[in-house]
Amino acid sequence: MTSLFIFLQESASLAVGPMGAAIGAGLAAIGAGIGIGRIGASAMEAIARQPEAVGDIRANMIVSAAFIEGVAFFAVIICALVIFI
């Protein structure tokens, strides 16, 4: 138990929090890029299968991409706040 307290005191002096926040921001951006890429690929496959449903597929794709981008932006802002505050 005392080794845990010693570890926490040492890690506080090394500023591990900003490093973790920077890694979190990077992971959020990478995850959003992968997610939006998968949405685009799936939408293109769906349009190829049903060309008459282009409008509905495109609308759903844009809404889904906007939600993913919003969550990623929120994660990056929270990580930036951890780094600078």
PDB file of N, CA and C in Angstrom:
ATOM      1  N   MET A   1       0.829  -1.189   0.000  1.00  0.00           N
ATOM      2  CA  MET A   1       0.000   0.000   0.000  1.00  0.00           C
ATOM      3  C   MET A   1       0.876   1.257   0.000  1.00  0.00           C
ATOM      4  N   THR A   2       1.952   1.215   0.762  1.00  0.00           N
ATOM      5  CA  THR A   2       2.817   2.399   0.791  1.00  0.00           C
ATOM      6  C   THR A   2       3.550   2.580  -0.531  1.00  0.00           C
ATOM      7  N   SER A   3       3.827   1.486  -1.238  1.00  0.00           N
ATOM      8  CA  SER A   3       4.494   1.615  -2.534  1.00  0.00           C
ATOM      9  C   SER A   3       3.583   2.317  -3.542  1.00  0.00           C
ATOM     10  N   LEU A   4       2.270   2.123  -3.401  1.00  0.00           N
ATOM     11  CA  LEU A   4       1.327   2.822  -4.281  1.00  0.00           C
ATOM     12  C   LEU A   4       1.389   4.321  -4.045  1.00  0.00           C
ATOM     13  N   PHE A   5       1.447   4.747  -2.795  1.00  0.00           N
ATOM     14  CA  PHE A   5       1.534   6.165  -2.487  1.00  0.00           C
ATOM     15  C   PHE A   5       2.838   6.772  -2.992  1.00  0.00           C
ATOM     16  N   ILE A   6       3.919   6.023  -2.857  1.00  0.00           N
ATOM     17  CA  ILE A   6       5.214   6.500  -3.363  1.00  0.00           C
ATOM     18  C   ILE A   6       5.161   6.641  -4.879  1.00  0.00           C
ATOM     19  N   PHE A   7       4.555   5.658  -5.551  1.00  0.00           N
ATOM     20  CA  PHE A   7       4.428   5.728  -7.004  1.00  0.00           C
ATOM     21  C   PHE A   7       3.588   6.931  -7.431  1.00  0.00           C
ATOM     22  N   LEU A   8       2.493   7.183  -6.736  1.00  0.00           N
ATOM     23  CA  LEU A   8       1.633   8.318  -7.075  1.00  0.00           C
ATOM     24  C   LEU A   8       2.351   9.648  -6.865  1.00  0.00           C
ATOM     25  N   GLN A   9       3.145   9.751  -5.807  1.00  0.00           N
ATOM     26  CA  GLN A   9       3.886  10.977  -5.571  1.00  0.00           C
ATOM     27  C   GLN A   9       4.944  11.198  -6.646  1.00  0.00           C
ATOM     28  N   GLU A  10       5.617  10.147  -7.039  1.00  0.00           N
ATOM     29  CA  GLU A  10       6.642  10.268  -8.075  1.00  0.00           C
ATOM     30  C   GLU A  10       6.034  10.583  -9.432  1.00  0.00           C
ATOM     31  N   SER A  11       4.888   9.965  -9.737  1.00  0.00           N
ATOM     32  CA  SER A  11       4.271  10.217 -11.033  1.00  0.00           C
ATOM     33  C   SER A  11       3.709  11.632 -11.108  1.00  0.00           C
ATOM     34  N   ALA A  12       3.306  12.199  -9.983  1.00  0.00           N
ATOM     35  CA  ALA A  12       2.821  13.580  -9.986  1.00  0.00           C
ATOM     36  C   ALA A  12       3.953  14.549 -10.301  1.00  0.00           C
ATOM     37  N   SER A  13       5.139  14.235  -9.854  1.00  0.00           N
ATOM     38  CA  SER A  13       6.268  15.119 -10.138  1.00  0.00           C
ATOM     39  C   SER A  13       6.765  14.971 -11.570  1.00  0.00           C
ATOM     40  N   LEU A  14       6.457  13.861 -12.242  1.00  0.00           N
ATOM     41  CA  LEU A  14       6.896  13.648 -13.616  1.00  0.00           C
ATOM     42  C   LEU A  14       5.926  14.208 -14.652  1.00  0.00           C
ATOM     43  N   ALA A  15       4.792  14.725 -14.233  1.00  0.00           N
ATOM     44  CA  ALA A  15       3.767  15.279 -15.117  1.00  0.00           C
ATOM     45  C   ALA A  15       3.288  14.230 -16.119  1.00  0.00           C
ATOM     46  N   VAL A  16       2.808  13.113 -15.613  1.00  0.00           N
ATOM     47  CA  VAL A  16       2.307  12.041 -16.452  1.00  0.00           C
ATOM     48  C   VAL A  16       0.940  12.401 -17.029  1.00  0.00           C
ATOM     49  N   GLY A  17       0.199  13.261 -16.346  1.00  0.00           N
ATOM     50  CA  GLY A  17      -1.138  13.643 -16.801  1.00  0.00           C
ATOM     51  C   GLY A  17      -1.151  14.267 -18.187  1.00  0.00           C
ATOM     52  N   PRO A  18      -0.317  15.277 -18.438  1.00  0.00           N
ATOM     53  CA  PRO A  18      -0.305  15.843 -19.798  1.00  0.00           C
ATOM     54  C   PRO A  18       0.108  14.846 -20.875  1.00  0.00           C
ATOM     55  N   MET A  19       1.010  13.933 -20.521  1.00  0.00           N
ATOM     56  CA  MET A  19       1.409  12.931 -21.505  1.00  0.00           C
ATOM     57  C   MET A  19       0.234  12.000 -21.813  1.00  0.00           C
ATOM     58  N   GLY A  20      -0.493  11.603 -20.801  1.00  0.00           N
ATOM     59  CA  GLY A  20      -1.678  10.765 -21.017  1.00  0.00           C
ATOM     60  C   GLY A  20      -2.753  11.486 -21.791  1.00  0.00           C
ATOM     61  N   ALA A  21      -2.909  12.792 -21.519  1.00  0.00           N
ATOM     62  CA  ALA A  21      -3.902  13.573 -22.258  1.00  0.00           C
ATOM     63  C   ALA A  21      -3.516  13.700 -23.728  1.00  0.00           C
ATOM     64  N   ALA A  22      -2.245  13.863 -23.998  1.00  0.00           N
ATOM     65  CA  ALA A  22      -1.792  13.949 -25.391  1.00  0.00           C
ATOM     66  C   ALA A  22      -2.021  12.622 -26.117  1.00  0.00           C
ATOM     67  N   ILE A  23      -1.767  11.518 -25.448  1.00  0.00           N
ATOM     68  CA  ILE A  23      -2.023  10.211 -26.054  1.00  0.00           C
ATOM     69  C   ILE A  23      -3.517  10.029 -26.287  1.00  0.00           C
ATOM     70  N   GLY A  24      -4.334  10.474 -25.334  1.00  0.00           N
ATOM     71  CA  GLY A  24      -5.787  10.380 -25.485  1.00  0.00           C
ATOM     72  C   GLY A  24      -6.302  11.201 -26.654  1.00  0.00           C
ATOM     73  N   ALA A  25      -5.759  12.401 -26.841  1.00  0.00           N
ATOM     74  CA  ALA A  25      -6.170  13.239 -27.976  1.00  0.00           C
ATOM     75  C   ALA A  25      -5.798  12.577 -29.290  1.00  0.00           C
ATOM     76  N   GLY A  26      -4.623  11.993 -29.351  1.00  0.00           N
ATOM     77  CA  GLY A  26      -4.207  11.294 -30.567  1.00  0.00           C
ATOM     78  C   GLY A  26      -5.080  10.094 -30.870  1.00  0.00           C
ATOM     79  N   LEU A  27      -5.401   9.322 -29.847  1.00  0.00           N
ATOM     80  CA  LEU A  27      -6.269   8.163 -30.044  1.00  0.00           C
ATOM     81  C   LEU A  27      -7.671   8.578 -30.477  1.00  0.00           C
ATOM     82  N   ALA A  28      -8.169   9.683 -29.926  1.00  0.00           N
ATOM     83  CA  ALA A  28      -9.493  10.165 -30.329  1.00  0.00           C
ATOM     84  C   ALA A  28      -9.502  10.572 -31.794  1.00  0.00           C
ATOM     85  N   ALA A  29      -8.459  11.243 -32.241  1.00  0.00           N
ATOM     86  CA  ALA A  29      -8.383  11.664 -33.639  1.00  0.00           C
ATOM     87  C   ALA A  29      -8.238  10.459 -34.567  1.00  0.00           C
ATOM     88  N   ILE A  30      -7.413   9.497 -34.183  1.00  0.00           N
ATOM     89  CA  ILE A  30      -7.242   8.297 -35.007  1.00  0.00           C
ATOM     90  C   ILE A  30      -8.545   7.500 -35.060  1.00  0.00           C
ATOM     91  N   GLY A  31      -9.195   7.354 -33.934  1.00  0.00           N
ATOM     92  CA  GLY A  31     -10.459   6.618 -33.900  1.00  0.00           C
ATOM     93  C   GLY A  31     -11.533   7.269 -34.746  1.00  0.00           C
ATOM     94  N   ALA A  32     -11.600   8.596 -34.711  1.00  0.00           N
ATOM     95  CA  ALA A  32     -12.586   9.297 -35.532  1.00  0.00           C
ATOM     96  C   ALA A  32     -12.281   9.128 -37.014  1.00  0.00           C
ATOM     97  N   GLY A  33     -11.023   9.186 -37.369  1.00  0.00           N
ATOM     98  CA  GLY A  33     -10.649   8.994 -38.771  1.00  0.00           C
ATOM     99  C   GLY A  33     -11.009   7.605 -39.269  1.00  0.00           C
ATOM    100  N   ILE A  34     -10.742   6.609 -38.458  1.00  0.00           N
ATOM    101  CA  ILE A  34     -11.089   5.233 -38.833  1.00  0.00           C
ATOM    102  C   ILE A  34     -12.604   5.078 -38.945  1.00  0.00           C
ATOM    103  N   GLY A  35     -13.331   5.648 -37.983  1.00  0.00           N
ATOM    104  CA  GLY A  35     -14.795   5.535 -38.001  1.00  0.00           C
ATOM    105  C   GLY A  35     -15.420   6.207 -39.205  1.00  0.00           C
ATOM    106  N   ILE A  36     -14.976   7.410 -39.524  1.00  0.00           N
ATOM    107  CA  ILE A  36     -15.532   8.121 -40.674  1.00  0.00           C
ATOM    108  C   ILE A  36     -15.142   7.411 -41.974  1.00  0.00           C
ATOM    109  N   GLY A  37     -13.947   6.847 -42.030  1.00  0.00           N
ATOM    110  CA  GLY A  37     -13.546   6.078 -43.204  1.00  0.00           C
ATOM    111  C   GLY A  37     -14.412   4.849 -43.411  1.00  0.00           C
ATOM    112  N   ARG A  38     -14.733   4.174 -42.323  1.00  0.00           N
ATOM    113  CA  ARG A  38     -15.608   2.998 -42.434  1.00  0.00           C
ATOM    114  C   ARG A  38     -17.011   3.392 -42.853  1.00  0.00           C
ATOM    115  N   ILE A  39     -17.492   4.535 -42.365  1.00  0.00           N
ATOM    116  CA  ILE A  39     -18.816   5.001 -42.779  1.00  0.00           C
ATOM    117  C   ILE A  39     -18.829   5.282 -44.273  1.00  0.00           C
ATOM    118  N   GLY A  40     -17.789   5.960 -44.764  1.00  0.00           N
ATOM    119  CA  GLY A  40     -17.712   6.270 -46.193  1.00  0.00           C
ATOM    120  C   GLY A  40     -17.653   5.006 -47.041  1.00  0.00           C
ATOM    121  N   ALA A  41     -16.849   4.028 -46.612  1.00  0.00           N
ATOM    122  CA  ALA A  41     -16.737   2.780 -47.366  1.00  0.00           C
ATOM    123  C   ALA A  41     -18.059   2.023 -47.391  1.00  0.00           C
ATOM    124  N   SER A  42     -18.720   1.970 -46.241  1.00  0.00           N
ATOM    125  CA  SER A  42     -20.008   1.273 -46.184  1.00  0.00           C
ATOM    126  C   SER A  42     -21.059   1.990 -47.016  1.00  0.00           C
ATOM    127  N   ALA A  43     -21.024   3.315 -47.013  1.00  0.00           N
ATOM    128  CA  ALA A  43     -21.989   4.069 -47.811  1.00  0.00           C
ATOM    129  C   ALA A  43     -21.764   3.832 -49.299  1.00  0.00           C
ATOM    130  N   MET A  44     -20.512   3.775 -49.729  1.00  0.00           N
ATOM    131  CA  MET A  44     -20.235   3.522 -51.148  1.00  0.00           C
ATOM    132  C   MET A  44     -20.699   2.127 -51.554  1.00  0.00           C
ATOM    133  N   GLU A  45     -20.515   1.141 -50.682  1.00  0.00           N
ATOM    134  CA  GLU A  45     -20.999  -0.209 -50.971  1.00  0.00           C
ATOM    135  C   GLU A  45     -22.519  -0.237 -51.048  1.00  0.00           C
ATOM    136  N   ALA A  46     -23.172   0.483 -50.129  1.00  0.00           N
ATOM    137  CA  ALA A  46     -24.633   0.510 -50.133  1.00  0.00           C
ATOM    138  C   ALA A  46     -25.165   1.215 -51.375  1.00  0.00           C
ATOM    139  N   ILE A  47     -24.513   2.279 -51.799  1.00  0.00           N
ATOM    140  CA  ILE A  47     -24.937   2.989 -53.004  1.00  0.00           C
ATOM    141  C   ILE A  47     -24.733   2.105 -54.237  1.00  0.00           C
ATOM    142  N   ALA A  48     -23.658   1.325 -54.250  1.00  0.00           N
ATOM    143  CA  ALA A  48     -23.421   0.426 -55.376  1.00  0.00           C
ATOM    144  C   ALA A  48     -24.495  -0.659 -55.450  1.00  0.00           C
ATOM    145  N   ARG A  49     -24.993  -1.087 -54.302  1.00  0.00           N
ATOM    146  CA  ARG A  49     -26.031  -2.125 -54.296  1.00  0.00           C
ATOM    147  C   ARG A  49     -27.404  -1.567 -54.635  1.00  0.00           C
ATOM    148  N   GLN A  50     -27.707  -0.353 -54.133  1.00  0.00           N
ATOM    149  CA  GLN A  50     -29.017   0.261 -54.361  1.00  0.00           C
ATOM    150  C   GLN A  50     -28.836   1.705 -54.801  1.00  0.00           C
ATOM    151  N   PRO A  51     -28.612   1.925 -56.068  1.00  0.00           N
ATOM    152  CA  PRO A  51     -28.379   3.297 -56.546  1.00  0.00           C
ATOM    153  C   PRO A  51     -29.585   4.215 -56.362  1.00  0.00           C
ATOM    154  N   GLU A  52     -30.776   3.647 -56.267  1.00  0.00           N
ATOM    155  CA  GLU A  52     -31.969   4.489 -56.108  1.00  0.00           C
ATOM    156  C   GLU A  52     -32.083   5.085 -54.705  1.00  0.00           C
ATOM    157  N   ALA A  53     -31.313   4.575 -53.745  1.00  0.00           N
ATOM    158  CA  ALA A  53     -31.385   5.061 -52.365  1.00  0.00           C
ATOM    159  C   ALA A  53     -30.240   6.004 -52.033  1.00  0.00           C
ATOM    160  N   VAL A  54     -29.678   6.645 -53.062  1.00  0.00           N
ATOM    161  CA  VAL A  54     -28.513   7.506 -52.859  1.00  0.00           C
ATOM    162  C   VAL A  54     -28.793   8.632 -51.866  1.00  0.00           C
ATOM    163  N   GLY A  55     -29.919   9.277 -51.969  1.00  0.00           N
ATOM    164  CA  GLY A  55     -30.224  10.420 -51.096  1.00  0.00           C
ATOM    165  C   GLY A  55     -30.304  10.041 -49.630  1.00  0.00           C
ATOM    166  N   ASP A  56     -31.011   8.954 -49.343  1.00  0.00           N
ATOM    167  CA  ASP A  56     -31.144   8.511 -47.946  1.00  0.00           C
ATOM    168  C   ASP A  56     -29.804   8.063 -47.377  1.00  0.00           C
ATOM    169  N   ILE A  57     -29.041   7.334 -48.168  1.00  0.00           N
ATOM    170  CA  ILE A  57     -27.740   6.842 -47.697  1.00  0.00           C
ATOM    171  C   ILE A  57     -26.801   8.005 -47.432  1.00  0.00           C
ATOM    172  N   ARG A  58     -26.796   8.973 -48.351  1.00  0.00           N
ATOM    173  CA  ARG A  58     -25.908  10.131 -48.183  1.00  0.00           C
ATOM    174  C   ARG A  58     -26.283  10.931 -46.939  1.00  0.00           C
ATOM    175  N   ALA A  59     -27.570  11.138 -46.708  1.00  0.00           N
ATOM    176  CA  ALA A  59     -28.010  11.896 -45.536  1.00  0.00           C
ATOM    177  C   ALA A  59     -27.614  11.192 -44.242  1.00  0.00           C
ATOM    178  N   ASN A  60     -27.830   9.878 -44.204  1.00  0.00           N
ATOM    179  CA  ASN A  60     -27.455   9.125 -43.004  1.00  0.00           C
ATOM    180  C   ASN A  60     -25.946   9.118 -42.797  1.00  0.00           C
ATOM    181  N   MET A  61     -25.195   9.057 -43.891  1.00  0.00           N
ATOM    182  CA  MET A  61     -23.737   9.072 -43.787  1.00  0.00           C
ATOM    183  C   MET A  61     -23.251  10.398 -43.220  1.00  0.00           C
ATOM    184  N   ILE A  62     -23.805  11.491 -43.691  1.00  0.00           N
ATOM    185  CA  ILE A  62     -23.373  12.814 -43.218  1.00  0.00           C
ATOM    186  C   ILE A  62     -23.713  13.005 -41.742  1.00  0.00           C
ATOM    187  N   VAL A  63     -24.899  12.576 -41.339  1.00  0.00           N
ATOM    188  CA  VAL A  63     -25.294  12.707 -39.928  1.00  0.00           C
ATOM    189  C   VAL A  63     -24.390  11.852 -39.037  1.00  0.00           C
ATOM    190  N   SER A  64     -24.120  10.629 -39.451  1.00  0.00           N
ATOM    191  CA  SER A  64     -23.249   9.750 -38.658  1.00  0.00           C
ATOM    192  C   SER A  64     -21.836  10.310 -38.561  1.00  0.00           C
ATOM    193  N   ALA A  65     -21.311  10.809 -39.667  1.00  0.00           N
ATOM    194  CA  ALA A  65     -19.968  11.387 -39.647  1.00  0.00           C
ATOM    195  C   ALA A  65     -19.914  12.626 -38.759  1.00  0.00           C
ATOM    196  N   ALA A  66     -20.967  13.422 -38.771  1.00  0.00           N
ATOM    197  CA  ALA A  66     -21.001  14.612 -37.919  1.00  0.00           C
ATOM    198  C   ALA A  66     -21.016  14.231 -36.438  1.00  0.00           C
ATOM    199  N   PHE A  67     -21.753  13.182 -36.086  1.00  0.00           N
ATOM    200  CA  PHE A  67     -21.766  12.732 -34.693  1.00  0.00           C
ATOM    201  C   PHE A  67     -20.387  12.235 -34.265  1.00  0.00           C
ATOM    202  N   ILE A  68     -19.739  11.458 -35.109  1.00  0.00           N
ATOM    203  CA  ILE A  68     -18.404  10.947 -34.777  1.00  0.00           C
ATOM    204  C   ILE A  68     -17.416  12.097 -34.649  1.00  0.00           C
ATOM    205  N   GLU A  69     -17.489  13.052 -35.567  1.00  0.00           N
ATOM    206  CA  GLU A  69     -16.577  14.192 -35.511  1.00  0.00           C
ATOM    207  C   GLU A  69     -16.820  15.034 -34.262  1.00  0.00           C
ATOM    208  N   GLY A  70     -18.076  15.171 -33.866  1.00  0.00           N
ATOM    209  CA  GLY A  70     -18.391  15.925 -32.654  1.00  0.00           C
ATOM    210  C   GLY A  70     -17.834  15.269 -31.406  1.00  0.00           C
ATOM    211  N   VAL A  71     -17.959  13.952 -31.323  1.00  0.00           N
ATOM    212  CA  VAL A  71     -17.423  13.232 -30.164  1.00  0.00           C
ATOM    213  C   VAL A  71     -15.902  13.328 -30.138  1.00  0.00           C
ATOM    214  N   ALA A  72     -15.271  13.209 -31.299  1.00  0.00           N
ATOM    215  CA  ALA A  72     -13.813  13.309 -31.357  1.00  0.00           C
ATOM    216  C   ALA A  72     -13.350  14.711 -30.976  1.00  0.00           C
ATOM    217  N   PHE A  73     -14.060  15.723 -31.442  1.00  0.00           N
ATOM    218  CA  PHE A  73     -13.708  17.094 -31.096  1.00  0.00           C
ATOM    219  C   PHE A  73     -13.849  17.321 -29.595  1.00  0.00           C
ATOM    220  N   PHE A  74     -14.903  16.778 -29.003  1.00  0.00           N
ATOM    221  CA  PHE A  74     -15.103  16.884 -27.563  1.00  0.00           C
ATOM    222  C   PHE A  74     -13.952  16.216 -26.814  1.00  0.00           C
ATOM    223  N   ALA A  75     -13.525  15.046 -27.267  1.00  0.00           N
ATOM    224  CA  ALA A  75     -12.420  14.330 -26.610  1.00  0.00           C
ATOM    225  C   ALA A  75     -11.119  15.114 -26.712  1.00  0.00           C
ATOM    226  N   VAL A  76     -10.855  15.692 -27.880  1.00  0.00           N
ATOM    227  CA  VAL A  76      -9.623  16.457 -28.055  1.00  0.00           C
ATOM    228  C   VAL A  76      -9.637  17.707 -27.182  1.00  0.00           C
ATOM    229  N   ILE A  77     -10.777  18.377 -27.058  1.00  0.00           N
ATOM    230  CA  ILE A  77     -10.880  19.565 -26.202  1.00  0.00           C
ATOM    231  C   ILE A  77     -10.670  19.201 -24.740  1.00  0.00           C
ATOM    232  N   ILE A  78     -11.258  18.108 -24.298  1.00  0.00           N
ATOM    233  CA  ILE A  78     -11.058  17.682 -22.912  1.00  0.00           C
ATOM    234  C   ILE A  78      -9.594  17.359 -22.663  1.00  0.00           C
ATOM    235  N   CYS A  79      -8.944  16.692 -23.595  1.00  0.00           N
ATOM    236  CA  CYS A  79      -7.526  16.378 -23.435  1.00  0.00           C
ATOM    237  C   CYS A  79      -6.677  17.654 -23.428  1.00  0.00           C
ATOM    238  N   ALA A  80      -7.036  18.627 -24.260  1.00  0.00           N
ATOM    239  CA  ALA A  80      -6.308  19.897 -24.264  1.00  0.00           C
ATOM    240  C   ALA A  80      -6.492  20.639 -22.940  1.00  0.00           C
ATOM    241  N   LEU A  81      -7.679  20.569 -22.367  1.00  0.00           N
ATOM    242  CA  LEU A  81      -7.903  21.202 -21.064  1.00  0.00           C
ATOM    243  C   LEU A  81      -7.055  20.542 -19.980  1.00  0.00           C
ATOM    244  N   VAL A  82      -6.911  19.227 -20.054  1.00  0.00           N
ATOM    245  CA  VAL A  82      -6.079  18.531 -19.077  1.00  0.00           C
ATOM    246  C   VAL A  82      -4.617  18.967 -19.219  1.00  0.00           C
ATOM    247  N   ILE A  83      -4.177  19.164 -20.447  1.00  0.00           N
ATOM    248  CA  ILE A  83      -2.788  19.544 -20.670  1.00  0.00           C
ATOM    249  C   ILE A  83      -2.517  20.964 -20.176  1.00  0.00           C
ATOM    250  N   PHE A  84      -3.392  21.905 -20.475  1.00  0.00           N
ATOM    251  CA  PHE A  84      -3.113  23.313 -20.209  1.00  0.00           C
ATOM    252  C   PHE A  84      -3.680  23.846 -18.905  1.00  0.00           C
ATOM    253  N   ILE A  85      -4.492  23.080 -18.252  1.00  0.00           N
ATOM    254  CA  ILE A  85      -5.071  23.575 -16.973  1.00  0.00           C
ATOM    255  C   ILE A  85      -4.601  22.720 -15.831  1.00  0.00           C
TER     256      ILE A  85
END
